[in-house]
């Protein structure tokens, strides 16, 4: 295996056309991205970092993005295009630190040396070597104060190329992959053709999103919604014991179980529920069976994006409790 690391000159960090819009109480100012700026964190992000510190060796928040590139590509140009995209988005260019006041996001002073060119093409079995390498990278963790991404171009047999990216889930959700691919393609084409950066529109600032959320706190609308949740969970649900036991262990392995549902049962559900609710029905019925609980609460991820942040980068997602209280005499058939 041949591996070489390429350091990219950090010109994209000071490119005048790349800036963020930060909103204060009086007006919107276009300001240059600075390394002194804080990036506020959502409650979900703070819980993720607490989880990281409690389980530092378990990659519970590691997100892998990899896709095969079906054409010849200039790895140096792709690397520069990648850092151009990273520099545009405060959520991706941050690291997380812990202070006396809790966890905070800080913009990286320099774009780090986190891009590798990995060549497996000369190996006896390039695909097997690559998959083994992938298993190692998939267990990466991101300690406090370190960059929250790692990227590589992987060379396989017959000139196959894979773009490989590891990120911390605290910096992204599923929508962000669409933004990454679109901007990476545009930046690569521009740099390759004209040796200049593309004329991007200003990037949506995740810090702005957080400031707008903070402004809602304490408003009558916020107080009303807070009261709803306080009242609903004044009496918390009972803890669930799966198959009569509580497990404290955590591990990154996922075991999927596939089962065919009788079409007659699916049809019966669809007759009185929208399609989006079918999963909830199945999940609660399953949990009721394995826990025997009549009061079950499941955290449901919501994208939490506004129209303004529809194409923004960052972890906007929050968890909403979905609680179902079932009469003791009820069954799934009923």
Protein backbone atom coordinates (compact mmCIF):
# COMPACT_ATOMS: atom_id res chain seq x y z
CA UNK A 1 0.00 0.00 0.00
CA UNK A 2 1.25 3.49 -0.90
CA UNK A 3 -0.03 6.45 1.08
CA UNK A 4 0.91 10.12 0.69
CA UNK A 5 -0.47 13.17 2.47
CA UNK A 6 -1.01 16.46 0.68
CA UNK A 7 -1.08 19.78 2.55
CA UNK A 8 -3.25 22.38 0.83
CA UNK A 9 -2.28 26.04 1.00
CA UNK A 10 -4.91 27.78 3.07
CA UNK A 11 -5.77 30.46 0.49
CA UNK A 12 -9.46 29.69 0.60
CA UNK A 13 -9.69 30.85 4.21
CA UNK A 14 -8.88 34.46 3.24
CA UNK A 15 -10.55 34.56 -0.17
CA UNK A 16 -12.54 37.88 -0.18
CA UNK A 17 -15.57 36.33 -1.89
CA UNK A 18 -16.06 33.83 0.94
CA UNK A 19 -17.83 35.32 3.94
CA UNK A 20 -20.70 34.70 6.29
CA UNK A 21 -23.63 36.90 7.21
CA UNK A 22 -23.95 37.40 10.94
CA UNK A 23 -27.08 39.03 12.35
CA UNK A 24 -27.07 41.38 15.32
CA UNK A 25 -30.02 43.11 17.01
CA UNK A 26 -29.99 46.14 14.73
CA UNK A 27 -28.92 45.11 11.26
CA UNK A 28 -27.38 42.41 9.10
CA UNK A 29 -23.66 42.95 8.57
CA UNK A 30 -21.49 41.15 6.04
CA UNK A 31 -18.37 40.27 8.00
CA UNK A 32 -15.29 38.26 7.18
CA UNK A 33 -14.93 34.85 8.72
CA UNK A 34 -12.57 35.12 11.69
CA UNK A 35 -10.96 32.49 13.84
CA UNK A 36 -12.09 34.29 17.00
CA UNK A 37 -15.78 33.73 16.35
CA UNK A 38 -17.74 31.32 18.50
CA UNK A 39 -20.15 28.88 16.88
CA UNK A 40 -23.07 28.26 19.27
CA UNK A 41 -24.13 24.65 19.81
CA UNK A 42 -27.62 23.21 19.95
CA UNK A 43 -28.78 21.16 22.95
CA UNK A 44 -28.49 18.05 20.75
CA UNK A 45 -24.87 18.87 19.88
CA UNK A 46 -23.99 19.41 23.53
CA UNK A 47 -25.48 16.03 24.43
CA UNK A 48 -23.43 14.43 21.63
CA UNK A 49 -20.23 15.81 23.10
CA UNK A 50 -21.18 14.69 26.56
CA UNK A 51 -21.68 11.23 25.05
CA UNK A 52 -18.25 11.51 23.38
CA UNK A 53 -16.56 12.19 26.71
CA UNK A 54 -18.45 9.42 28.48
CA UNK A 55 -17.56 6.91 25.71
CA UNK A 56 -14.34 8.28 24.13
CA UNK A 57 -13.44 5.04 22.33
CA UNK A 58 -16.84 4.37 20.75
CA UNK A 59 -17.57 6.11 17.40
CA UNK A 60 -21.25 6.66 18.12
CA UNK A 61 -21.27 9.98 16.20
CA UNK A 62 -18.99 9.11 13.28
CA UNK A 63 -20.54 9.74 9.85
CA UNK A 64 -19.04 8.17 6.70
CA UNK A 65 -19.66 9.57 3.20
CA UNK A 66 -18.06 7.75 0.29
CA UNK A 67 -18.82 7.70 -3.40
CA UNK A 68 -17.01 6.36 -6.45
CA UNK A 69 -15.84 8.86 -9.05
CA UNK A 70 -16.47 7.53 -12.54
CA UNK A 71 -13.96 9.68 -14.41
CA UNK A 72 -10.32 10.75 -14.32
CA UNK A 73 -9.74 13.36 -11.65
CA UNK A 74 -6.96 15.64 -10.44
CA UNK A 75 -6.51 14.79 -6.77
CA UNK A 76 -4.73 18.06 -6.00
CA UNK A 77 -7.54 20.13 -7.51
CA UNK A 78 -10.19 18.05 -5.72
CA UNK A 79 -8.36 18.59 -2.46
CA UNK A 80 -8.35 22.35 -3.00
CA UNK A 81 -12.03 22.27 -3.99
CA UNK A 82 -12.84 20.31 -0.83
CA UNK A 83 -11.16 22.85 1.44
CA UNK A 84 -12.92 25.64 -0.46
CA UNK A 85 -16.24 24.07 0.51
CA UNK A 86 -15.16 23.43 4.11
CA UNK A 87 -14.02 27.05 4.51
CA UNK A 88 -17.44 28.34 3.42
CA UNK A 89 -19.39 26.71 6.23
CA UNK A 90 -18.85 27.61 9.87
CA UNK A 91 -20.41 24.34 11.07
CA UNK A 92 -17.78 22.32 9.17
CA UNK A 93 -14.84 24.55 9.98
CA UNK A 94 -15.31 24.36 13.71
CA UNK A 95 -13.92 22.33 16.52
CA UNK A 96 -15.51 21.88 19.95
CA UNK A 97 -13.95 22.81 23.27
CA UNK A 98 -15.16 22.52 26.86
CA UNK A 99 -15.11 25.55 29.14
CA UNK A 100 -16.43 26.28 32.62
CA UNK A 101 -19.69 27.25 30.91
CA UNK A 102 -20.00 23.97 29.00
CA UNK A 103 -19.29 23.03 25.38
CA UNK A 104 -18.60 25.66 22.73
CA UNK A 105 -17.79 25.63 19.04
CA UNK A 106 -14.68 27.47 17.85
CA UNK A 107 -13.63 28.13 14.26
CA UNK A 108 -10.36 26.48 13.30
CA UNK A 109 -7.49 28.93 12.96
CA UNK A 110 -6.19 27.05 9.90
CA UNK A 111 -7.63 24.42 7.64
CA UNK A 112 -5.92 21.28 8.94
CA UNK A 113 -3.86 18.65 7.15
CA UNK A 114 -6.73 16.17 6.97
CA UNK A 115 -6.66 15.12 3.32
CA UNK A 116 -4.85 12.00 2.11
CA UNK A 117 -4.16 10.34 -1.18
CA UNK A 118 -4.41 6.58 -0.53
CA UNK A 119 -3.30 4.17 -3.26
CA UNK A 120 -4.31 0.51 -3.09
CA UNK A 121 -3.98 -0.14 -6.83
CA UNK A 122 -0.71 -2.09 -6.48
CA UNK A 123 -2.04 -4.40 -3.76
CA UNK A 124 -2.76 -8.05 -4.55
CA UNK A 125 -6.41 -7.47 -3.65
CA UNK A 126 -7.11 -3.71 -3.72
CA UNK A 127 -10.79 -4.02 -2.80
CA UNK A 128 -10.05 -6.17 0.26
CA UNK A 129 -7.30 -3.79 1.39
CA UNK A 130 -9.65 -0.85 0.92
CA UNK A 131 -12.46 -2.45 2.94
CA UNK A 132 -10.06 -3.22 5.78
CA UNK A 133 -8.83 0.38 5.72
CA UNK A 134 -12.46 1.54 5.67
CA UNK A 135 -13.26 -0.49 8.82
CA UNK A 136 -10.38 1.23 10.59
CA UNK A 137 -11.39 4.71 9.47
CA UNK A 138 -15.04 4.04 10.34
CA UNK A 139 -14.04 3.73 14.00
CA UNK A 140 -12.41 7.19 14.10
CA UNK A 141 -13.35 9.40 17.01
CA UNK A 142 -12.94 13.15 17.32
CA UNK A 143 -11.51 14.34 20.66
CA UNK A 144 -12.27 17.84 21.90
CA UNK A 145 -10.25 20.56 20.19
CA UNK A 146 -9.51 18.57 17.03
CA UNK A 147 -10.81 18.97 13.44
CA UNK A 148 -14.14 17.24 12.96
CA UNK A 149 -13.46 15.75 9.53
CA UNK A 150 -11.03 13.59 7.59
CA UNK A 151 -11.00 13.26 3.79
CA UNK A 152 -9.17 11.11 1.26
CA UNK A 153 -9.01 10.14 -2.39
CA UNK A 154 -8.66 6.36 -2.61
CA UNK A 155 -7.17 4.69 -5.71
CA UNK A 156 -8.29 1.14 -6.48
CA UNK A 157 -7.76 -1.28 -9.36
CA UNK A 158 -8.47 -0.26 -12.99
CA UNK A 159 -8.19 3.44 -12.12
CA UNK A 160 -11.24 3.34 -9.84
CA UNK A 161 -11.35 6.31 -7.48
CA UNK A 162 -13.33 6.81 -4.28
CA UNK A 163 -13.89 10.08 -2.47
CA UNK A 164 -13.93 9.22 1.23
CA UNK A 165 -15.05 11.55 4.01
CA UNK A 166 -15.37 11.02 7.77
CA UNK A 167 -17.20 13.69 9.78
CA UNK A 168 -18.61 14.11 13.23
CA UNK A 169 -22.41 13.88 13.22
CA UNK A 170 -22.49 17.01 15.35
CA UNK A 171 -21.57 19.06 12.26
CA UNK A 172 -24.10 17.71 9.78
CA UNK A 173 -27.32 15.92 8.93
CA UNK A 174 -28.42 14.08 5.79
CA UNK A 175 -29.19 17.24 3.81
CA UNK A 176 -25.58 18.35 4.15
CA UNK A 177 -24.36 15.58 1.83
CA UNK A 178 -26.38 17.12 -1.00
CA UNK A 179 -24.78 20.52 -0.32
CA UNK A 180 -21.31 18.97 -0.18
CA UNK A 181 -21.61 17.11 -3.49
CA UNK A 182 -23.10 20.09 -5.36
CA UNK A 183 -20.55 22.61 -4.09
CA UNK A 184 -17.62 20.22 -4.42
CA UNK A 185 -18.54 19.60 -8.06
CA UNK A 186 -18.88 23.32 -8.78
CA UNK A 187 -15.62 24.22 -7.04
CA UNK A 188 -13.69 21.45 -8.78
CA UNK A 189 -14.94 22.42 -12.23
CA UNK A 190 -14.12 26.10 -11.67
CA UNK A 191 -10.62 25.52 -10.31
CA UNK A 192 -9.80 22.94 -12.98
CA UNK A 193 -11.04 25.09 -15.87
CA UNK A 194 -9.98 28.60 -14.83
CA UNK A 195 -7.73 28.15 -11.78
CA UNK A 196 -10.12 30.40 -9.85
CA UNK A 197 -12.67 29.80 -7.14
CA UNK A 198 -16.34 29.78 -8.15
CA UNK A 199 -18.55 32.77 -7.49
CA UNK A 200 -20.53 31.15 -4.70
CA UNK A 201 -23.44 32.86 -3.02
CA UNK A 202 -22.67 33.64 0.64
CA UNK A 203 -23.07 30.52 2.75
CA UNK A 204 -25.85 30.23 5.30
CA UNK A 205 -24.38 30.71 8.76
CA UNK A 206 -25.19 28.05 11.35
CA UNK A 207 -24.26 30.63 14.00
CA UNK A 208 -27.02 32.87 12.62
CA UNK A 209 -29.48 30.02 12.93
CA UNK A 210 -28.57 29.55 16.58
CA UNK A 211 -28.91 33.27 17.31
CA UNK A 212 -32.37 33.30 15.74
CA UNK A 213 -33.36 30.32 17.88
CA UNK A 214 -32.10 32.07 21.01
CA UNK A 215 -34.27 35.11 20.20
CA UNK A 216 -37.37 32.91 20.39
CA UNK A 217 -36.67 31.94 23.98
CA UNK A 218 -38.82 33.84 26.42
CA UNK A 219 -41.39 34.93 23.83
CA UNK A 220 -45.08 34.12 24.45
CA UNK A 221 -45.00 31.54 21.67
CA UNK A 222 -41.97 29.84 23.24
CA UNK A 223 -43.53 29.92 26.73
CA UNK A 224 -46.74 28.34 25.42
CA UNK A 225 -44.89 25.50 23.74
CA UNK A 226 -42.65 24.96 26.74
CA UNK A 227 -45.72 24.66 28.97
CA UNK A 228 -47.20 22.03 26.64
CA UNK A 229 -44.15 19.79 27.00
CA UNK A 230 -43.83 20.43 30.73
CA UNK A 231 -47.44 19.39 31.26
CA UNK A 232 -47.20 16.36 28.99
CA UNK A 233 -44.17 14.98 30.80
CA UNK A 234 -44.99 16.11 34.33
CA UNK A 235 -45.34 12.38 34.95
CA UNK A 236 -42.49 10.67 33.08
CA UNK A 237 -42.99 7.34 31.29
CA UNK A 238 -41.77 4.16 32.91
CA UNK A 239 -38.28 2.95 31.97
CA UNK A 240 -38.35 0.25 29.30
CA UNK A 241 -36.76 -3.10 29.98
CA UNK A 242 -36.13 -4.91 26.72
CA UNK A 243 -36.96 -8.57 27.17
CA UNK A 244 -37.01 -7.97 30.91
CA UNK A 245 -33.49 -6.54 31.18
CA UNK A 246 -31.77 -3.15 31.03
CA UNK A 247 -28.50 -2.94 29.11
CA UNK A 248 -25.86 -0.33 29.89
CA UNK A 249 -23.49 -1.36 27.11
CA UNK A 250 -22.92 0.71 23.97
CA UNK A 251 -21.21 -0.32 20.78
CA UNK A 252 -21.05 0.95 17.18
CA UNK A 253 -22.31 -2.26 15.58
CA UNK A 254 -25.72 -2.29 13.92
CA UNK A 255 -27.71 -5.46 13.47
CA UNK A 256 -30.56 -5.24 10.98
CA UNK A 257 -33.50 -7.61 11.09
CA UNK A 258 -35.68 -7.91 8.00
CA UNK A 259 -39.23 -9.23 8.18
CA UNK A 260 -42.04 -9.43 5.66
CA UNK A 261 -45.29 -7.91 6.84
CA UNK A 262 -48.53 -9.52 5.74
CA UNK A 263 -50.08 -7.28 3.03
CA UNK A 264 -53.46 -7.65 4.70
CA UNK A 265 -52.03 -6.13 7.90
CA UNK A 266 -50.42 -3.26 5.96
CA UNK A 267 -53.70 -2.61 4.16
CA UNK A 268 -55.58 -2.55 7.45
CA UNK A 269 -53.17 0.05 8.87
CA UNK A 270 -53.29 2.22 5.75
CA UNK A 271 -57.06 2.34 5.88
CA UNK A 272 -57.00 4.54 8.97
CA UNK A 273 -53.46 5.97 9.13
CA UNK A 274 -51.31 8.05 6.76
CA UNK A 275 -48.34 6.18 5.31
CA UNK A 276 -45.92 8.20 7.43
CA UNK A 277 -47.47 6.74 10.59
CA UNK A 278 -47.06 3.08 9.63
CA UNK A 279 -43.55 2.91 11.03
CA UNK A 280 -44.69 4.42 14.33
CA UNK A 281 -47.46 1.84 14.65
CA UNK A 282 -45.07 -1.02 13.95
CA UNK A 283 -42.41 0.38 16.30
CA UNK A 284 -44.78 0.89 19.22
CA UNK A 285 -46.41 -2.51 18.69
CA UNK A 286 -42.98 -4.14 18.72
CA UNK A 287 -41.84 -2.24 21.82
CA UNK A 288 -45.08 -3.07 23.61
CA UNK A 289 -44.45 -6.75 22.87
CA UNK A 290 -40.86 -6.87 24.12
CA UNK A 291 -41.28 -4.55 27.13
CA UNK A 292 -44.92 -5.16 28.20
CA UNK A 293 -45.06 -1.43 29.00
CA UNK A 294 -48.36 0.43 28.56
CA UNK A 295 -46.66 3.83 28.51
CA UNK A 296 -43.87 4.09 25.90
CA UNK A 297 -41.83 7.09 24.79
CA UNK A 298 -39.55 7.09 21.74
CA UNK A 299 -37.29 9.93 20.60
CA UNK A 300 -38.01 10.93 17.00
CA UNK A 301 -35.51 12.94 14.95
CA UNK A 302 -36.93 16.04 13.20
CA UNK A 303 -34.89 17.95 10.63
CA UNK A 304 -35.81 21.29 12.32
CA UNK A 305 -34.94 23.33 9.23
CA UNK A 306 -36.60 26.59 8.26
CA UNK A 307 -37.00 27.89 4.72
CA UNK A 308 -33.88 30.01 5.19
CA UNK A 309 -31.79 27.06 6.35
CA UNK A 310 -33.15 24.56 3.81
CA UNK A 311 -29.74 24.29 2.12
CA UNK A 312 -27.63 25.23 5.10
CA UNK A 313 -24.85 23.18 6.65
CA UNK A 314 -24.92 22.03 10.25
CA UNK A 315 -26.82 19.79 12.63
CA UNK A 316 -30.25 21.41 12.78
CA UNK A 317 -31.91 18.16 13.85
CA UNK A 318 -33.45 17.83 17.30
CA UNK A 319 -35.13 14.91 19.06
CA UNK A 320 -38.84 15.15 19.86
CA UNK A 321 -40.37 12.70 22.36
CA UNK A 322 -43.17 10.62 20.84
CA UNK A 323 -45.25 9.16 23.67
CA UNK A 324 -48.01 6.60 23.43
CA UNK A 325 -50.12 5.47 26.38
CA UNK A 326 -51.92 2.20 25.65
CA UNK A 327 -54.83 0.72 27.47
CA UNK A 328 -53.78 -2.50 29.19
CA UNK A 329 -56.50 -4.44 27.32
CA UNK A 330 -55.44 -3.21 23.88
CA UNK A 331 -53.70 -5.51 21.39
CA UNK A 332 -52.09 -4.90 18.02
CA UNK A 333 -55.04 -6.53 16.24
CA UNK A 334 -57.50 -4.17 17.91
